[in-house]
Amino acid sequence: MASELSKEELEKAEMEIKNSQDEFEDALEGEDDVEGSFPVTPEELSIMRADLASEFPDDYDYLSDSYILSVASKPYSKDLSIRRPLDYSQKKLNDVMQWRQEVDATDFEDLVKLANGPASAPEASESPELFAKAKAMVTSLNYGSTYWHGFTMDGH
């Protein structure tokens, strides 16, 4: 049984919402002074892509140009008025690729294809253990959830 809010309760709720939005905007003060991203030249992108290709020849094309540019174009954490040094961005990209190798994430796409295929497929019947692993991984991914806590930069 829902009850209607009185005019005073409604005004109070609206004021609380406005105050919480004001608090959020206060948290963003000073962030307009720093640009969110800096330009990255095509040559710099080529250098980073070539380094990935030499370090990770089988998996270097996993990272898109957009992702690489996103990483490289961020402000430097030690001086937000300049872009990250190229070496720093390259290290971050190499760390991601190294992690992919360590956890065998490079095989995930193949495992998903295997699991979503028929059990009678030659790949599945040749390696039933791998097929079972693929099915278990896909099942866990299908039942996963993601939750966010807090607000976006826009206050949503």
Protein backbone atom coordinates (compact mmCIF):
# COMPACT_ATOMS: atom_id res chain seq x y z
CA MET A 1 0.00 0.00 0.00
CA ALA A 2 1.79 3.10 -1.22
CA SER A 3 1.19 6.45 0.38
CA GLU A 4 1.52 9.75 -1.38
CA LEU A 5 4.17 12.22 -0.30
CA SER A 6 3.11 15.48 1.21
CA LYS A 7 4.23 18.69 -0.46
CA GLU A 8 6.80 19.23 2.30
CA GLU A 9 8.21 15.71 1.93
CA LEU A 10 8.43 16.12 -1.83
CA GLU A 11 10.26 19.46 -1.49
CA LYS A 12 12.62 17.92 1.07
CA ALA A 13 13.43 14.99 -1.26
CA GLU A 14 14.02 17.35 -4.19
CA MET A 15 16.34 19.48 -2.02
CA GLU A 16 18.32 16.38 -0.95
CA ILE A 17 18.75 15.35 -4.58
CA LYS A 18 19.91 18.85 -5.54
CA ASN A 19 22.35 18.95 -2.61
CA SER A 20 23.84 15.58 -3.54
CA GLN A 21 24.30 16.80 -7.13
CA ASP A 22 26.01 19.94 -5.85
CA GLU A 23 28.37 17.78 -3.78
CA PHE A 24 29.25 15.75 -6.85
CA GLU A 25 29.94 18.88 -8.89
CA ASP A 26 32.20 20.13 -6.07
CA ALA A 27 34.22 16.91 -6.42
CA LEU A 28 34.88 17.76 -10.05
CA GLU A 29 36.20 21.27 -9.38
CA GLY A 30 39.59 21.80 -10.93
CA GLU A 31 39.30 18.87 -13.32
CA ASP A 32 38.51 21.19 -16.21
CA ASP A 33 42.04 22.56 -15.90
CA VAL A 34 43.45 19.28 -17.25
CA GLU A 35 42.71 17.94 -20.70
CA GLY A 36 41.49 14.36 -20.83
CA SER A 37 43.69 13.33 -23.69
CA PHE A 38 46.61 14.49 -25.78
CA PRO A 39 47.36 13.87 -29.45
CA VAL A 40 49.35 10.81 -30.48
CA THR A 41 51.01 10.85 -33.89
CA PRO A 42 50.62 8.03 -36.41
CA GLU A 43 54.38 7.46 -36.13
CA GLU A 44 54.12 6.95 -32.37
CA LEU A 45 51.24 4.53 -32.88
CA SER A 46 53.37 2.61 -35.41
CA ILE A 47 56.26 2.46 -32.95
CA MET A 48 54.04 1.05 -30.19
CA ARG A 49 52.36 -1.42 -32.56
CA ALA A 50 55.78 -2.59 -33.86
CA ASP A 51 57.03 -3.12 -30.30
CA LEU A 52 53.96 -5.20 -29.50
CA ALA A 53 54.48 -7.22 -32.68
CA SER A 54 58.10 -7.97 -31.77
CA GLU A 55 57.29 -8.89 -28.14
CA PHE A 56 54.03 -10.76 -28.80
CA PRO A 57 54.06 -11.96 -32.44
CA ASP A 58 51.07 -14.30 -32.08
CA ASP A 59 48.79 -11.90 -30.23
CA TYR A 60 49.92 -8.33 -31.01
CA ASP A 61 46.85 -7.48 -33.08
CA TYR A 62 44.50 -8.19 -30.15
CA LEU A 63 44.76 -4.55 -29.03
CA SER A 64 42.99 -2.17 -31.37
CA ASP A 65 44.54 1.08 -32.54
CA SER A 66 41.79 2.90 -30.62
CA TYR A 67 42.80 1.17 -27.39
CA ILE A 68 46.49 1.87 -27.92
CA LEU A 69 45.73 5.53 -28.66
CA SER A 70 43.52 5.71 -25.58
CA VAL A 71 46.33 4.44 -23.35
CA ALA A 72 48.99 6.64 -24.96
CA SER A 73 46.94 9.83 -25.00
CA LYS A 74 46.29 10.05 -21.25
CA PRO A 75 47.88 12.68 -19.01
CA TYR A 76 51.03 11.68 -17.15
CA SER A 77 50.20 10.90 -13.51
CA LYS A 78 53.24 12.82 -12.25
CA ASP A 79 52.43 15.95 -14.28
CA LEU A 80 48.87 16.16 -15.57
CA SER A 81 49.72 18.97 -17.97
CA ILE A 82 51.70 16.66 -20.25
CA ARG A 83 51.03 13.37 -22.01
CA ARG A 84 52.37 10.10 -20.72
CA PRO A 85 55.85 9.31 -21.98
CA LEU A 86 55.81 6.82 -24.82
CA ASP A 87 57.90 4.33 -22.80
CA TYR A 88 55.38 4.47 -19.94
CA SER A 89 52.46 3.80 -22.31
CA GLN A 90 54.40 0.97 -23.95
CA LYS A 91 55.08 -0.62 -20.57
CA LYS A 92 51.37 -0.54 -19.72
CA LEU A 93 50.48 -2.18 -23.04
CA ASN A 94 53.21 -4.81 -22.61
CA ASP A 95 51.95 -5.54 -19.08
CA VAL A 96 48.44 -6.22 -20.46
CA MET A 97 49.81 -8.53 -23.13
CA GLN A 98 52.05 -10.32 -20.62
CA TRP A 99 49.06 -10.86 -18.32
CA ARG A 100 47.11 -12.31 -21.27
CA GLN A 101 49.88 -14.85 -21.81
CA GLU A 102 50.20 -15.74 -18.13
CA VAL A 103 46.50 -16.54 -17.69
CA ASP A 104 46.14 -18.13 -21.13
CA ALA A 105 43.64 -15.45 -22.13
CA THR A 106 44.95 -15.75 -25.67
CA ASP A 107 43.04 -19.05 -25.91
CA PHE A 108 39.72 -17.73 -24.58
CA GLU A 109 38.31 -16.85 -27.98
CA ASP A 110 39.07 -20.33 -29.31
CA LEU A 111 37.55 -21.90 -26.20
CA VAL A 112 34.34 -19.90 -26.66
CA LYS A 113 34.10 -21.05 -30.29
CA LEU A 114 34.70 -24.65 -29.23
CA ALA A 115 32.08 -24.49 -26.46
CA ASN A 116 29.47 -22.91 -28.70
CA GLY A 117 29.97 -25.53 -31.40
CA PRO A 118 28.42 -28.99 -31.49
CA ALA A 119 29.71 -31.71 -29.20
CA SER A 120 30.15 -33.86 -32.28
CA ALA A 121 32.67 -31.45 -33.84
CA PRO A 122 36.09 -33.02 -34.50
CA GLU A 123 37.84 -30.58 -32.12
CA ALA A 124 35.43 -31.49 -29.30
CA SER A 125 35.62 -35.26 -29.80
CA GLU A 126 39.43 -35.24 -30.14
CA SER A 127 39.87 -33.50 -26.80
CA PRO A 128 36.92 -34.06 -24.45
CA GLU A 129 38.84 -32.49 -21.52
CA LEU A 130 39.36 -29.28 -23.47
CA PHE A 131 35.71 -29.31 -24.56
CA ALA A 132 34.61 -29.70 -20.92
CA LYS A 133 36.91 -26.83 -19.89
CA ALA A 134 35.49 -24.67 -22.68
CA LYS A 135 31.90 -25.45 -21.67
CA ALA A 136 32.67 -24.63 -18.02
CA MET A 137 34.30 -21.33 -18.97
CA VAL A 138 31.40 -20.28 -21.20
CA THR A 139 28.90 -21.23 -18.53
CA SER A 140 30.69 -19.12 -15.94
CA LEU A 141 30.87 -16.19 -18.34
CA ASN A 142 27.16 -16.45 -19.13
CA TYR A 143 26.20 -16.29 -15.47
CA GLY A 144 28.58 -13.48 -14.53
CA SER A 145 27.35 -10.07 -13.46
CA THR A 146 28.89 -6.66 -13.22
CA TYR A 147 27.92 -4.10 -10.63
CA TRP A 148 28.84 -0.43 -10.41
CA HIS A 149 28.94 1.63 -7.27
CA GLY A 150 28.83 5.40 -7.36
CA PHE A 151 28.21 7.95 -10.05
CA THR A 152 29.61 8.66 -13.48
CA MET A 153 31.36 11.93 -14.21
CA ASP A 154 27.96 13.22 -15.36
CA GLY A 155 26.35 12.36 -12.02
CA HIS A 156 24.37 9.37 -13.29
